[in-house]
Structure formats: C-alpha cells, structure tokens
C-alpha cells in the first residue's frame, strides 16, 4: 500500500511524501528509520475522517515529544562514550558492550538509536557505518574517529579520547552559559524596567506637563513620543522581531546571505571576541584529536572544515589545505 505522510526532519521542518508499506505501523517504522518523525499518515486516496484527524493530532504531539527527546539524546553521547571506553578496555566485545549500555540508557530516543546501531552491526555493518545512520546525533568527526579506531585496531583508545572530547565540550558550554547568564539577566531586567517606566510612569508625568501647557525640551518630547508609541502600538514590537527572525532565516538559506551573517558575527560588538575564540577552540581541539589518531592531515582539514559552522572560516581552511598540499608548513598555511 502507498501511504501519504507528513513528518518533521531533525531541523523541525515539515516534509510531505509517500511511502510504500504493508500497513500503517510498517509505514511509520520506515519513516522513523529514515531519520524523520511522522506527524500524519494516511492511505493514499482515502478520505481523512474525524477519528483519523484526532489520531493525527495525537501523532503530532508524539512527534513533538520525540523531537524534544532527540535533542536530549545528543547530550547522552559523552556518557555513552565513557561507558563504551570502559567496557572495551575491560576486554568486552563490541556487541556485548552495546547490550550492557542499552540497559542503562534512560533517554528513550537515544536508547532506540543504540538498539538500531546494534542491529545494524549484527547485520554486518561496521560500528562507524552504523553510527553514520544517525549523523544528527553523532557528529562527522565522531564517526570518522570511530572509523580510524576500527582501521587501527585501537577502538577502545579512540572512544576514550572521544569521551574526553565530549566532556570538554560540555564543560566549555556550561562555562559559557554561566558567563552569559548574568549579563543576559541584567539586560532583560533593565529592558523590563525601561518598558514599565515608558508605559506606566511616563504617561502619568506627561499629563502634568499637558495641564501646565508648557513648552517641553526636545529630549522630553522624544521620551513622551516613545511612551505614546509603546502604549498605542505595542503590537508592532513582537511583529518587528518576528520580521527580523524571518529575514534572518531567509538570508541564511542563501550562500550570499549566510556569508554576510557569518561576517557580521565575527565583527559583532562585544560578542565577536567570544565567538571568534569559540571557532578557534573548535578548530584546534578537533584538528588535534584527528592528528593524534594519525588521520591524514588533508583529510583532517576536510573534516574540521565542516564543523566550524562559518563559511568564511571554511574558505580559509580550504585555502590552508591547498597551501599545505603545495608544500607550505601548517604554520605558514594558517597565517
């Protein structure tokens, strides 16, 4: 049977397509295996009745819940790597290690992913190829490192290094959040106070000036005008931010727009310094990890280029790789 379905991808975008399956349950399973989260499934050519609409709402709620759970699954990679490294170093076979870890995983989505990885290994796939089926959870560098470990026969050492890398990543993110929490809180609190003054206090004061019929200085007129605007046209403010978000998403969907956005991020007042340091840290940490495991240098640059998430830096890494290929040293190529 042919089923028409709507599903969410790992970016939260809705996709409509068809799938050939024996029944609705099999169709749902096929869709999920392709990395999508089914929202609505119906047999092609059939009219959707009220009951199926209710089922669709239920499926949509389940899909949203699964999408949130999948976001949480990414946080499980570090613990999974540490457990895997411990078991492999103890001499346990890969499949036995996976079975033991599966029993201890609390996150439903991540548990299903590791079960799928185990099943694919049992079917004959390598560990790295089984992980690559879930590239939204396991990064490209993670998968390539596992592949290197398989080829060199040192999977336990590689997984241990990956566990250290994930631990450092979590530590760095927690430090960044801690550093940003106070200024963000103060900025938000200050904005709320400012809005309160403009909407509640200033109109009361302006009534006094109106009664006295006095000529007001320009700064006072500007403040009163802003207060009146916020009071009468407050709905325009959320609409303005929605418009900005729409323009940002639309611009980031094109190469030219993404380049301009990345360039602006690198020059953004106050935040650019932290942003640039994060890019350098991500580049050096991952490059060092790959080189430690004897990955070819040009291959290292090719892999790292894809994870910096900045098209300007990507171009610089490409240029550096080309210079190294032509005989330059790493230091000269990165200047």
Protein backbone atom coordinates (compact mmCIF):
# COMPACT_ATOMS: atom_id res chain seq x y z
CA UNK A 1 0.00 0.00 0.00
CA UNK A 2 1.03 3.59 -0.63
CA UNK A 3 0.78 5.93 2.36
CA UNK A 4 0.93 9.71 2.27
CA UNK A 5 2.67 11.20 5.29
CA UNK A 6 3.75 14.45 6.88
CA UNK A 7 6.89 14.33 9.03
CA UNK A 8 9.41 16.55 10.81
CA UNK A 9 13.11 16.37 9.98
CA UNK A 10 15.88 16.96 12.53
CA UNK A 11 15.64 20.73 11.89
CA UNK A 12 11.94 20.81 12.73
CA UNK A 13 10.88 21.38 9.09
CA UNK A 14 7.70 19.69 7.84
CA UNK A 15 8.05 17.28 4.89
CA UNK A 16 5.24 15.69 2.84
CA UNK A 17 5.96 12.50 0.88
CA UNK A 18 4.76 8.94 0.20
CA UNK A 19 5.99 5.58 1.43
CA UNK A 20 5.24 2.02 0.31
CA UNK A 21 4.49 -0.32 3.23
CA UNK A 22 2.32 -3.28 4.21
CA UNK A 23 0.39 -1.32 6.86
CA UNK A 24 0.40 1.96 8.76
CA UNK A 25 2.65 0.63 11.51
CA UNK A 26 5.24 -0.53 8.98
CA UNK A 27 4.99 2.83 7.21
CA UNK A 28 5.63 4.66 10.47
CA UNK A 29 8.65 2.45 11.18
CA UNK A 30 10.09 3.12 7.71
CA UNK A 31 9.67 6.86 8.11
CA UNK A 32 11.42 6.86 11.50
CA UNK A 33 14.30 4.77 10.16
CA UNK A 34 14.88 7.45 7.51
CA UNK A 35 15.51 9.97 10.30
CA UNK A 36 12.09 11.66 10.18
CA UNK A 37 9.37 11.99 12.83
CA UNK A 38 5.91 11.12 11.42
CA UNK A 39 3.16 13.63 12.16
CA UNK A 40 0.33 12.33 9.97
CA UNK A 41 -0.05 9.13 7.92
CA UNK A 42 -2.99 8.18 5.70
CA UNK A 43 -3.57 5.66 2.92
CA UNK A 44 -3.34 7.32 -0.48
CA UNK A 45 -6.77 8.10 -1.94
CA UNK A 46 -8.65 7.67 1.34
CA UNK A 47 -10.70 10.45 2.91
CA UNK A 48 -9.46 11.57 6.29
CA UNK A 49 -12.23 11.13 8.87
CA UNK A 50 -12.58 12.80 12.25
CA UNK A 51 -11.10 9.80 14.02
CA UNK A 52 -8.00 9.88 11.86
CA UNK A 53 -7.75 13.63 12.42
CA UNK A 54 -7.71 13.01 16.16
CA UNK A 55 -5.13 10.30 15.59
CA UNK A 56 -3.13 12.80 13.54
CA UNK A 57 -3.19 15.29 16.42
CA UNK A 58 -2.05 12.55 18.77
CA UNK A 59 0.71 11.54 16.35
CA UNK A 60 1.77 15.17 16.03
CA UNK A 61 2.02 15.50 19.82
CA UNK A 62 4.04 12.29 19.97
CA UNK A 63 6.33 13.56 17.20
CA UNK A 64 6.95 16.85 19.00
CA UNK A 65 7.73 14.90 22.17
CA UNK A 66 10.11 12.66 20.22
CA UNK A 67 11.77 15.70 18.64
CA UNK A 68 12.43 17.16 22.11
CA UNK A 69 13.67 13.77 23.28
CA UNK A 70 16.04 13.63 20.28
CA UNK A 71 17.52 16.97 21.31
CA UNK A 72 18.17 15.47 24.74
CA UNK A 73 19.71 12.42 23.08
CA UNK A 74 22.66 14.49 21.86
CA UNK A 75 23.60 15.14 25.48
CA UNK A 76 23.91 11.38 26.06
CA UNK A 77 26.83 10.93 23.64
CA UNK A 78 29.50 11.80 26.23
CA UNK A 79 28.23 9.32 28.84
CA UNK A 80 27.77 6.66 26.15
CA UNK A 81 31.38 7.15 25.00
CA UNK A 82 32.74 6.92 28.55
CA UNK A 83 30.80 3.70 29.27
CA UNK A 84 31.84 2.21 25.92
CA UNK A 85 35.52 3.03 26.52
CA UNK A 86 35.44 1.43 29.98
CA UNK A 87 33.84 -1.79 28.72
CA UNK A 88 36.08 -2.09 25.64
CA UNK A 89 39.21 -1.54 27.75
CA UNK A 90 38.00 -4.32 30.04
CA UNK A 91 38.15 -6.65 27.03
CA UNK A 92 34.41 -6.97 26.37
CA UNK A 93 33.29 -7.47 22.73
CA UNK A 94 31.58 -4.55 20.99
CA UNK A 95 28.10 -6.12 20.82
CA UNK A 96 28.21 -7.22 24.46
CA UNK A 97 29.26 -3.70 25.46
CA UNK A 98 26.36 -2.21 23.50
CA UNK A 99 23.89 -4.61 25.11
CA UNK A 100 25.08 -3.66 28.60
CA UNK A 101 24.92 0.07 27.82
CA UNK A 102 21.42 -0.18 26.30
CA UNK A 103 20.06 -1.49 29.62
CA UNK A 104 21.34 1.65 31.40
CA UNK A 105 20.10 4.33 28.96
CA UNK A 106 17.17 6.39 30.26
CA UNK A 107 16.54 8.58 27.19
CA UNK A 108 14.06 6.65 25.02
CA UNK A 109 15.21 8.15 21.72
CA UNK A 110 18.90 7.57 22.38
CA UNK A 111 18.14 4.04 23.53
CA UNK A 112 16.34 3.30 20.24
CA UNK A 113 19.29 4.74 18.32
CA UNK A 114 21.80 2.48 20.07
CA UNK A 115 19.47 -0.50 19.57
CA UNK A 116 19.40 0.32 15.85
CA UNK A 117 23.21 0.60 15.83
CA UNK A 118 23.49 -2.82 17.49
CA UNK A 119 21.07 -4.38 14.97
CA UNK A 120 22.99 -2.95 12.01
CA UNK A 121 26.27 -4.31 13.40
CA UNK A 122 24.61 -7.73 13.74
CA UNK A 123 23.56 -7.44 10.08
CA UNK A 124 27.19 -6.88 9.06
CA UNK A 125 27.74 -3.11 9.12
CA UNK A 126 30.81 -1.66 10.81
CA UNK A 127 30.37 0.35 14.00
CA UNK A 128 31.21 3.62 12.21
CA UNK A 129 28.76 2.95 9.35
CA UNK A 130 26.02 2.06 11.83
CA UNK A 131 26.63 5.34 13.68
CA UNK A 132 26.61 7.31 10.41
CA UNK A 133 22.91 6.43 10.03
CA UNK A 134 22.34 8.85 12.92
CA UNK A 135 24.53 11.77 11.83
CA UNK A 136 22.20 14.26 13.55
CA UNK A 137 23.26 12.73 16.90
CA UNK A 138 26.85 11.66 16.21
CA UNK A 139 28.98 14.35 14.55
CA UNK A 140 31.05 13.70 11.45
CA UNK A 141 34.27 13.93 13.43
CA UNK A 142 32.92 11.37 15.93
CA UNK A 143 32.07 8.92 13.14
CA UNK A 144 35.42 9.43 11.39
CA UNK A 145 37.31 8.90 14.64
CA UNK A 146 35.46 5.61 15.21
CA UNK A 147 36.37 4.61 11.65
CA UNK A 148 40.04 5.37 12.36
CA UNK A 149 39.89 3.30 15.56
CA UNK A 150 38.42 0.35 13.64
CA UNK A 151 41.15 0.54 10.99
CA UNK A 152 43.98 0.81 13.52
CA UNK A 153 42.56 -1.78 15.93
CA UNK A 154 42.52 0.74 18.79
CA UNK A 155 38.80 1.38 19.14
CA UNK A 156 38.97 1.48 22.96
CA UNK A 157 41.62 4.26 22.93
CA UNK A 158 39.75 6.28 20.32
CA UNK A 159 36.43 6.03 22.18
CA UNK A 160 38.18 7.10 25.40
CA UNK A 161 39.55 10.19 23.62
CA UNK A 162 36.10 10.92 22.23
CA UNK A 163 34.67 10.68 25.75
CA UNK A 164 37.27 13.23 26.91
CA UNK A 165 36.39 15.48 23.97
CA UNK A 166 32.66 15.34 24.74
CA UNK A 167 33.37 16.04 28.41
CA UNK A 168 35.45 19.11 27.50
CA UNK A 169 32.69 20.26 25.15
CA UNK A 170 30.05 20.01 27.89
CA UNK A 171 32.36 21.80 30.36
CA UNK A 172 33.01 24.62 27.87
CA UNK A 173 29.31 25.08 27.14
CA UNK A 174 28.49 25.18 30.85
CA UNK A 175 31.19 27.84 31.39
CA UNK A 176 29.84 29.91 28.50
CA UNK A 177 26.28 29.69 29.84
CA UNK A 178 27.49 30.68 33.31
CA UNK A 179 29.41 33.64 31.88
CA UNK A 180 26.46 34.84 29.80
CA UNK A 181 23.72 34.28 32.36
CA UNK A 182 24.34 37.41 34.46
CA UNK A 183 24.67 39.96 31.61
CA UNK A 184 21.64 38.48 29.82
CA UNK A 185 19.62 38.62 33.05
CA UNK A 186 20.65 42.23 33.71
CA UNK A 187 19.88 43.27 30.13
CA UNK A 188 16.44 41.63 30.26
CA UNK A 189 15.69 43.12 33.68
CA UNK A 190 16.77 46.59 32.53
CA UNK A 191 14.60 46.36 29.41
CA UNK A 192 11.58 45.38 31.50
CA UNK A 193 12.14 48.33 33.85
CA UNK A 194 12.52 50.67 30.87
CA UNK A 195 9.28 49.42 29.31
CA UNK A 196 7.48 49.76 32.65
CA UNK A 197 8.66 53.37 33.00
CA UNK A 198 7.66 54.26 29.44
CA UNK A 199 4.24 52.58 29.61
CA UNK A 200 3.16 53.29 33.22
CA UNK A 201 5.17 56.13 34.77
CA UNK A 202 5.88 58.49 31.86
CA UNK A 203 2.20 58.82 30.76
CA UNK A 204 1.32 59.97 34.31
CA UNK A 205 4.09 62.58 34.27
CA UNK A 206 3.18 63.72 30.74
CA UNK A 207 -0.36 64.54 31.92
CA UNK A 208 1.13 67.08 34.34
CA UNK A 209 3.05 68.78 31.52
CA UNK A 210 -0.07 68.90 29.36
CA UNK A 211 -2.07 70.58 32.15
CA UNK A 212 0.61 73.25 32.60
CA UNK A 213 0.69 73.89 28.82
CA UNK A 214 4.46 74.40 28.90
CA UNK A 215 6.91 74.16 26.00
CA UNK A 216 8.92 70.97 26.51
CA UNK A 217 12.58 70.46 25.58
CA UNK A 218 13.33 68.13 22.65
CA UNK A 219 14.66 65.17 24.75
CA UNK A 220 11.47 65.23 26.85
CA UNK A 221 9.33 65.28 23.69
CA UNK A 222 11.23 62.26 22.35
CA UNK A 223 10.68 60.30 25.59
CA UNK A 224 6.97 61.19 25.64
CA UNK A 225 6.60 60.26 21.98
CA UNK A 226 8.29 56.90 22.60
CA UNK A 227 5.98 56.31 25.57
CA UNK A 228 2.89 57.08 23.47
CA UNK A 229 4.14 54.80 20.71
CA UNK A 230 4.69 51.86 23.07
CA UNK A 231 1.28 52.39 24.65
CA UNK A 232 -0.65 52.68 21.38
CA UNK A 233 1.33 50.41 19.03
CA UNK A 234 2.93 47.80 21.32
CA UNK A 235 1.79 45.01 18.97
CA UNK A 236 4.32 46.25 16.39
CA UNK A 237 7.24 45.29 18.64
CA UNK A 238 6.74 41.48 18.57
CA UNK A 239 5.85 41.79 14.87
CA UNK A 240 9.14 43.60 14.31
CA UNK A 241 11.13 40.82 15.99
CA UNK A 242 9.21 38.17 14.02
CA UNK A 243 10.08 40.04 10.82
CA UNK A 244 13.75 40.14 11.84
CA UNK A 245 13.69 36.38 12.53
CA UNK A 246 12.03 35.70 9.15
CA UNK A 247 14.60 37.84 7.31
CA UNK A 248 17.42 36.08 9.19
CA UNK A 249 16.14 32.60 8.27
CA UNK A 250 15.59 33.65 4.66
CA UNK A 251 19.05 35.21 4.37
CA UNK A 252 20.79 32.24 6.00
CA UNK A 253 19.18 29.94 3.41
CA UNK A 254 21.26 31.53 0.61
CA UNK A 255 25.09 31.36 0.29
CA UNK A 256 25.38 35.15 -0.05
CA UNK A 257 23.14 35.79 2.95
CA UNK A 258 24.92 33.19 5.09
CA UNK A 259 28.27 34.76 4.24
CA UNK A 260 27.09 38.22 5.30
CA UNK A 261 25.62 36.83 8.54
CA UNK A 262 28.85 34.94 9.37
CA UNK A 263 30.90 38.04 8.60
CA UNK A 264 28.68 40.12 10.89
CA UNK A 265 29.01 37.53 13.69
CA UNK A 266 32.80 37.87 13.51
CA UNK A 267 32.55 41.68 13.82
CA UNK A 268 29.67 41.91 16.28
CA UNK A 269 30.49 44.36 19.12
CA UNK A 270 31.27 42.65 22.46
CA UNK A 271 30.14 39.16 21.33
CA UNK A 272 32.57 38.79 18.39
CA UNK A 273 35.58 38.16 20.64
CA UNK A 274 33.90 35.21 22.35
CA UNK A 275 32.51 33.92 19.03
CA UNK A 276 35.93 34.00 17.33
CA UNK A 277 37.58 32.25 20.29
CA UNK A 278 34.95 29.50 20.14
CA UNK A 279 35.69 28.94 16.45
CA UNK A 280 39.44 28.73 17.12
CA UNK A 281 38.87 26.35 20.05
CA UNK A 282 36.58 24.11 18.00
CA UNK A 283 39.07 24.06 15.11
CA UNK A 284 42.18 23.32 17.19
CA UNK A 285 40.53 20.77 19.50
CA UNK A 286 39.10 18.70 16.66
CA UNK A 287 42.19 19.03 14.46
CA UNK A 288 44.38 17.90 17.35
CA UNK A 289 42.07 14.96 18.06
CA UNK A 290 42.23 13.77 14.44
CA UNK A 291 46.00 14.22 14.12
CA UNK A 292 46.59 12.37 17.41
CA UNK A 293 44.84 9.38 15.85
CA UNK A 294 47.04 9.53 12.74
CA UNK A 295 44.42 10.76 10.30
CA UNK A 296 45.90 12.18 7.09
CA UNK A 297 46.48 15.94 7.50
CA UNK A 298 44.49 16.99 4.42
CA UNK A 299 41.65 14.69 5.50
CA UNK A 300 41.77 16.38 8.93
CA UNK A 301 41.27 19.78 7.33
CA UNK A 302 38.44 18.43 5.18
CA UNK A 303 36.60 17.07 8.24
CA UNK A 304 37.22 20.07 10.52
CA UNK A 305 36.07 22.47 7.80
CA UNK A 306 32.54 21.05 8.05
CA UNK A 307 32.16 21.59 11.80
CA UNK A 308 33.29 25.21 12.26
CA UNK A 309 29.86 26.37 11.02
CA UNK A 310 31.18 29.59 9.46
CA UNK A 311 31.56 29.89 5.69
CA UNK A 312 34.36 32.49 5.91
CA UNK A 313 36.45 30.22 8.14
CA UNK A 314 35.59 27.27 5.87
CA UNK A 315 37.11 29.15 2.91
CA UNK A 316 40.24 29.93 4.94
CA UNK A 317 40.61 26.27 5.93
CA UNK A 318 40.21 25.24 2.27
CA UNK A 319 42.90 27.75 1.28
CA UNK A 320 45.20 26.49 4.07
CA UNK A 321 44.72 22.86 2.93
CA UNK A 322 45.58 23.88 -0.64
CA UNK A 323 48.75 25.66 0.54
CA UNK A 324 49.79 22.59 2.57
CA UNK A 325 49.22 20.40 -0.49
CA UNK A 326 51.51 22.74 -2.45
CA UNK A 327 54.28 22.36 0.14
CA UNK A 328 53.66 25.01 2.82
CA UNK A 329 54.01 24.22 6.52
CA UNK A 330 50.92 24.22 8.76
CA UNK A 331 52.05 27.47 10.43
CA UNK A 332 52.53 29.23 7.08
CA UNK A 333 49.24 27.90 5.69
CA UNK A 334 47.25 29.15 8.69
CA UNK A 335 48.67 32.70 8.60
